[in-house]
C-alpha cells in the first residue's frame, strides 16, 4: 500500500543522494587531477587539458584491456571481458564473475581493428555529447545499455556471448542526432528520424544473419540512445557547467559449457 510506496520512495531518494555525493567526490578528484595535469603539461601559452573525462576514461580502459589481452594471451581475461551466456546465469554459483560480465563486455575487443573501429567512432561523437549532457548521466545510460544488451543477447541467443563497444557507439550516435535546434521536450528533430533510418533500419534488416556481428547489441544500443534522448532535457548541462574548466563492430563468440569460448567473429 501507501506505506510500501513511501518506503520505496525514501530508499530511492537515499540512493540518489548517495550516488550524487559519490559523483561529486569523483568529480572533485577528477578536477584536481585535471588541474595538476594542466600545470605540469604546459609549454608557453599552451597546456594539455583533460577535456572529456568520460571519453578519455572509457577509451583508456578499452585500450588497457586490449593491451593486456594481447600481451598475456590470458583466457581468463577473454572470459571476463565478454557477456555471460545463459548457462552461466542459471549456474551463477559456479561462475561468480557473471554479474560483472553484464558490464565488462563493453570494454573487450577482439583485435586492433575491432578496437580502432569502435574507439574512432566514440572519439568523434562522445566528447560532443559531454558538452551537452552531464557526465554522470552519460555513465548511467552507458551502464544501462551494457546490461540491457547482455540480457537481450541471453534471451535471444542463449549460447552466444558478445563483446565490444559498438552498442555504446550506436547509443551515442542516436543521442548525437537528437541535437540541434528544437524548443520544447515534445519536439522531434528531423535529424533523429534520419538517424533511426540510417543507423537502425539496416541492423533490423541484417538481424538474424550469421555474419559474426551482434546486430542485437547495435539495435539495443540505438534504442537506449533514442529513449535516453527523449528523457535527456533535465540532464542537459548548463553553460557555466560546460565552461567551468576555463580557469562496427561487436564481435561474437559461441560459448559452450563448461565455459570454454571459441572465437568465431569475422572482421
Protein backbone atom coordinates (compact mmCIF):
# COMPACT_ATOMS: atom_id res chain seq x y z
CA UNK A 1 0.00 0.00 0.00
CA UNK A 2 0.97 3.58 0.65
CA UNK A 3 3.49 2.54 3.31
CA UNK A 4 5.38 0.36 0.84
CA UNK A 5 5.38 3.12 -1.75
CA UNK A 6 6.64 5.61 0.81
CA UNK A 7 9.45 3.29 1.88
CA UNK A 8 10.38 2.68 -1.74
CA UNK A 9 10.42 6.41 -2.46
CA UNK A 10 12.58 7.04 0.61
CA UNK A 11 15.01 4.30 -0.42
CA UNK A 12 15.27 5.72 -3.93
CA UNK A 13 15.80 9.22 -2.56
CA UNK A 14 18.55 7.97 -0.25
CA UNK A 15 20.20 6.03 -3.07
CA UNK A 16 20.06 9.07 -5.36
CA UNK A 17 21.59 11.27 -2.65
CA UNK A 18 24.43 8.83 -2.04
CA UNK A 19 25.02 8.46 -5.77
CA UNK A 20 25.19 12.22 -6.22
CA UNK A 21 27.62 12.53 -3.31
CA UNK A 22 29.79 9.82 -4.84
CA UNK A 23 29.70 11.54 -8.25
CA UNK A 24 30.55 14.90 -6.68
CA UNK A 25 33.51 13.33 -4.86
CA UNK A 26 34.76 11.66 -8.04
CA UNK A 27 34.25 14.92 -9.92
CA UNK A 28 36.28 16.89 -7.39
CA UNK A 29 39.14 14.40 -7.64
CA UNK A 30 38.86 14.50 -11.43
CA UNK A 31 39.07 18.30 -11.44
CA UNK A 32 42.09 18.19 -9.12
CA UNK A 33 43.87 15.70 -11.40
CA UNK A 34 42.99 17.79 -14.46
CA UNK A 35 44.41 20.93 -12.84
CA UNK A 36 47.59 19.08 -11.92
CA UNK A 37 47.93 17.74 -15.47
CA UNK A 38 47.47 21.25 -16.89
CA UNK A 39 50.18 22.60 -14.57
CA UNK A 40 52.81 20.02 -15.43
CA UNK A 41 51.99 19.76 -19.16
CA UNK A 42 52.46 23.41 -20.08
CA UNK A 43 54.53 24.97 -22.84
CA UNK A 44 54.36 28.74 -23.07
CA UNK A 45 50.72 29.72 -23.52
CA UNK A 46 49.67 26.14 -24.27
CA UNK A 47 48.67 23.40 -21.85
CA UNK A 48 47.29 19.88 -22.02
CA UNK A 49 43.76 19.59 -20.65
CA UNK A 50 41.63 16.57 -19.70
CA UNK A 51 38.69 17.93 -21.67
CA UNK A 52 36.33 14.93 -21.96
CA UNK A 53 36.67 12.66 -18.90
CA UNK A 54 34.01 10.09 -19.85
CA UNK A 55 35.51 9.66 -23.32
CA UNK A 56 39.11 9.50 -22.16
CA UNK A 57 38.49 7.13 -19.25
CA UNK A 58 36.32 4.82 -21.36
CA UNK A 59 38.73 4.67 -24.30
CA UNK A 60 41.68 4.38 -21.92
CA UNK A 61 40.07 1.41 -20.19
CA UNK A 62 39.32 -0.26 -23.54
CA UNK A 63 42.93 0.23 -24.63
CA UNK A 64 44.35 -1.18 -21.38
CA UNK A 65 42.07 -4.22 -21.64
CA UNK A 66 43.09 -4.82 -25.26
CA UNK A 67 46.80 -4.42 -24.43
CA UNK A 68 46.54 -6.85 -21.51
CA UNK A 69 44.72 -9.41 -23.61
CA UNK A 70 47.29 -9.18 -26.39
CA UNK A 71 50.33 -9.23 -24.10
CA UNK A 72 49.19 -12.00 -21.76
CA UNK A 73 47.07 -14.15 -24.11
CA UNK A 74 45.06 -14.94 -20.99
CA UNK A 75 41.87 -16.95 -21.41
CA UNK A 76 40.70 -15.60 -18.06
CA UNK A 77 40.79 -12.05 -19.44
CA UNK A 78 38.97 -13.20 -22.58
CA UNK A 79 36.25 -14.76 -20.43
CA UNK A 80 35.96 -11.76 -18.11
CA UNK A 81 35.56 -9.13 -20.82
CA UNK A 82 32.63 -10.68 -22.67
CA UNK A 83 28.94 -11.04 -21.90
CA UNK A 84 27.60 -14.04 -19.96
CA UNK A 85 25.84 -16.95 -21.60
CA UNK A 86 22.52 -18.23 -20.27
CA UNK A 87 24.00 -21.35 -18.66
CA UNK A 88 26.37 -19.13 -16.66
CA UNK A 89 23.47 -17.01 -15.41
CA UNK A 90 21.50 -20.11 -14.41
CA UNK A 91 24.57 -21.53 -12.63
CA UNK A 92 25.90 -18.34 -11.12
CA UNK A 93 27.35 -20.20 -8.14
CA UNK A 94 29.81 -21.91 -10.48
CA UNK A 95 30.53 -18.67 -12.37
CA UNK A 96 30.83 -15.94 -9.67
CA UNK A 97 32.04 -13.30 -12.14
CA UNK A 98 28.84 -13.50 -14.17
CA UNK A 99 27.22 -10.32 -12.71
CA UNK A 100 30.29 -8.25 -13.60
CA UNK A 101 30.24 -9.54 -17.17
CA UNK A 102 26.94 -7.74 -17.73
CA UNK A 103 29.05 -4.56 -17.82
CA UNK A 104 32.65 -5.58 -18.58
CA UNK A 105 31.83 -6.91 -22.06
CA UNK A 106 31.70 -3.35 -23.47
CA UNK A 107 35.42 -2.90 -22.69
CA UNK A 108 36.63 -6.02 -24.51
CA UNK A 109 37.65 -6.14 -28.18
CA UNK A 110 38.78 -8.98 -30.38
CA UNK A 111 41.73 -7.33 -32.09
CA UNK A 112 43.26 -3.97 -33.00
CA UNK A 113 40.95 -3.40 -35.99
CA UNK A 114 37.91 -4.03 -33.82
CA UNK A 115 39.22 -1.68 -31.12
CA UNK A 116 40.08 1.13 -33.56
CA UNK A 117 36.74 0.87 -35.35
CA UNK A 118 34.74 1.41 -32.18
CA UNK A 119 37.01 3.92 -30.48
CA UNK A 120 37.30 6.09 -33.60
CA UNK A 121 33.53 6.49 -33.72
CA UNK A 122 33.35 7.21 -30.00
CA UNK A 123 36.17 9.74 -30.20
CA UNK A 124 34.23 11.66 -32.85
CA UNK A 125 30.87 11.69 -31.06
CA UNK A 126 31.24 11.23 -27.29
CA UNK A 127 33.22 14.43 -26.50
CA UNK A 128 30.45 16.46 -28.16
CA UNK A 129 27.85 14.70 -26.01
CA UNK A 130 29.85 15.56 -22.90
CA UNK A 131 29.39 19.23 -23.80
CA UNK A 132 25.62 18.80 -23.79
CA UNK A 133 24.90 16.19 -21.11
CA UNK A 134 26.11 15.66 -17.58
CA UNK A 135 28.88 13.09 -17.27
CA UNK A 136 27.11 11.07 -14.58
CA UNK A 137 24.02 10.77 -16.77
CA UNK A 138 26.08 9.50 -19.72
CA UNK A 139 27.72 6.93 -17.45
CA UNK A 140 24.34 5.69 -16.16
CA UNK A 141 22.93 5.37 -19.69
CA UNK A 142 26.03 3.51 -20.86
CA UNK A 143 25.85 1.05 -17.95
CA UNK A 144 22.14 0.53 -18.60
CA UNK A 145 22.90 -0.08 -22.27
CA UNK A 146 25.52 -2.69 -21.35
CA UNK A 147 23.16 -4.58 -19.02
CA UNK A 148 20.17 -4.46 -21.37
CA UNK A 149 22.33 -5.56 -24.30
CA UNK A 150 23.67 -8.54 -22.35
CA UNK A 151 20.16 -9.51 -21.21
CA UNK A 152 18.80 -9.27 -24.76
CA UNK A 153 21.60 -11.48 -26.04
CA UNK A 154 20.94 -14.05 -23.28
CA UNK A 155 17.25 -14.17 -24.16
CA UNK A 156 17.63 -14.25 -27.95
CA UNK A 157 20.87 -16.23 -28.31
CA UNK A 158 21.41 -18.15 -25.07
CA UNK A 159 24.58 -19.98 -26.14
CA UNK A 160 26.24 -16.93 -27.70
CA UNK A 161 28.25 -14.25 -25.94
CA UNK A 162 29.33 -10.86 -27.26
CA UNK A 163 31.99 -8.25 -26.59
CA UNK A 164 32.79 -4.79 -27.84
CA UNK A 165 31.63 -1.19 -27.54
CA UNK A 166 29.58 -0.99 -30.73
CA UNK A 167 26.37 -0.89 -28.70
CA UNK A 168 27.74 2.21 -26.97
CA UNK A 169 28.64 3.65 -30.39
CA UNK A 170 25.05 3.28 -31.61
CA UNK A 171 23.79 4.76 -28.35
CA UNK A 172 25.98 7.83 -28.82
CA UNK A 173 25.00 8.20 -32.48
CA UNK A 174 21.30 8.29 -31.64
CA UNK A 175 21.95 10.76 -28.83
CA UNK A 176 24.00 12.94 -31.17
CA UNK A 177 21.40 13.16 -33.94
CA UNK A 178 18.91 14.40 -31.34
CA UNK A 179 20.94 17.61 -31.02
CA UNK A 180 20.36 20.85 -32.91
CA UNK A 181 17.64 23.47 -32.67
CA UNK A 182 14.42 22.36 -31.02
CA UNK A 183 12.44 24.33 -28.50
CA UNK A 184 10.36 22.05 -26.29
CA UNK A 185 10.50 18.48 -24.90
CA UNK A 186 7.77 17.47 -27.35
CA UNK A 187 9.78 18.42 -30.43
CA UNK A 188 11.19 15.55 -32.54
CA UNK A 189 14.21 16.65 -34.62
CA UNK A 190 14.20 15.54 -38.24
CA UNK A 191 17.85 14.50 -37.85
CA UNK A 192 16.67 11.97 -35.27
CA UNK A 193 14.27 10.39 -37.79
CA UNK A 194 17.08 10.25 -40.36
CA UNK A 195 19.41 8.72 -37.75
CA UNK A 196 16.93 5.96 -36.98
CA UNK A 197 16.55 5.20 -40.70
CA UNK A 198 20.27 5.25 -41.44
CA UNK A 199 21.59 3.52 -38.32
CA UNK A 200 18.85 1.15 -37.13
CA UNK A 201 16.94 0.04 -40.22
CA UNK A 202 19.98 -1.76 -41.74
CA UNK A 203 20.55 -3.50 -38.40
CA UNK A 204 16.94 -4.70 -38.35
CA UNK A 205 17.33 -5.99 -41.91
CA UNK A 206 20.55 -7.81 -41.02
CA UNK A 207 19.27 -9.23 -37.74
CA UNK A 208 19.37 -13.00 -37.67
CA UNK A 209 22.08 -13.33 -40.31
CA UNK A 210 25.09 -15.45 -39.37
CA UNK A 211 27.76 -12.84 -40.15
CA UNK A 212 29.57 -12.86 -36.81
CA UNK A 213 28.22 -9.42 -35.84
CA UNK A 214 25.87 -8.84 -32.92
CA UNK A 215 23.13 -6.79 -34.56
CA UNK A 216 21.16 -7.24 -31.34
CA UNK A 217 23.74 -5.16 -29.47
CA UNK A 218 23.56 -2.48 -32.17
CA UNK A 219 19.77 -2.29 -32.01
CA UNK A 220 19.70 -2.26 -28.22
CA UNK A 221 22.33 0.48 -28.14
CA UNK A 222 20.38 2.57 -30.64
CA UNK A 223 17.12 2.02 -28.77
CA UNK A 224 18.67 3.00 -25.44
CA UNK A 225 20.19 6.10 -27.04
CA UNK A 226 16.87 7.05 -28.64
CA UNK A 227 14.88 6.64 -25.42
CA UNK A 228 17.58 8.47 -23.47
CA UNK A 229 17.46 11.39 -25.91
CA UNK A 230 13.75 11.89 -25.25
CA UNK A 231 14.29 11.96 -21.50
CA UNK A 232 17.50 13.95 -21.51
CA UNK A 233 16.24 17.52 -21.24
CA UNK A 234 16.50 17.55 -17.45
CA UNK A 235 20.10 16.32 -17.62
CA UNK A 236 21.50 18.84 -20.09
CA UNK A 237 24.47 20.78 -18.80
CA UNK A 238 24.21 24.47 -18.02
CA UNK A 239 26.56 26.78 -19.89
CA UNK A 240 28.51 27.60 -16.73
CA UNK A 241 28.94 23.89 -16.06
CA UNK A 242 30.26 23.29 -19.55
CA UNK A 243 32.80 26.10 -19.27
CA UNK A 244 33.78 25.74 -15.63
CA UNK A 245 37.13 24.25 -16.68
CA UNK A 246 38.36 27.52 -18.20
CA UNK A 247 40.24 28.56 -15.13
CA UNK A 248 31.09 -1.67 -36.15
CA UNK A 249 31.50 -3.90 -34.74
CA UNK A 250 30.64 -6.17 -31.80
CA UNK A 251 32.41 -9.49 -32.15
CA UNK A 252 30.56 -12.68 -31.43
CA UNK A 253 31.70 -15.71 -29.52
CA UNK A 254 29.89 -19.01 -29.21
CA UNK A 255 30.04 -20.16 -25.60
CA UNK A 256 29.87 -23.85 -24.82
CA UNK A 257 29.75 -25.44 -21.36
CA UNK A 258 31.69 -25.84 -19.17
CA UNK A 259 32.90 -22.35 -20.02
CA UNK A 260 35.31 -22.70 -22.91
CA UNK A 261 34.87 -19.99 -25.51
CA UNK A 262 35.58 -20.46 -29.20
CA UNK A 263 36.09 -17.24 -31.17
CA UNK A 264 34.10 -17.17 -34.39
CA UNK A 265 34.00 -13.47 -35.19
CA UNK A 266 34.79 -12.14 -38.63
CA UNK A 267 36.17 -8.64 -39.23
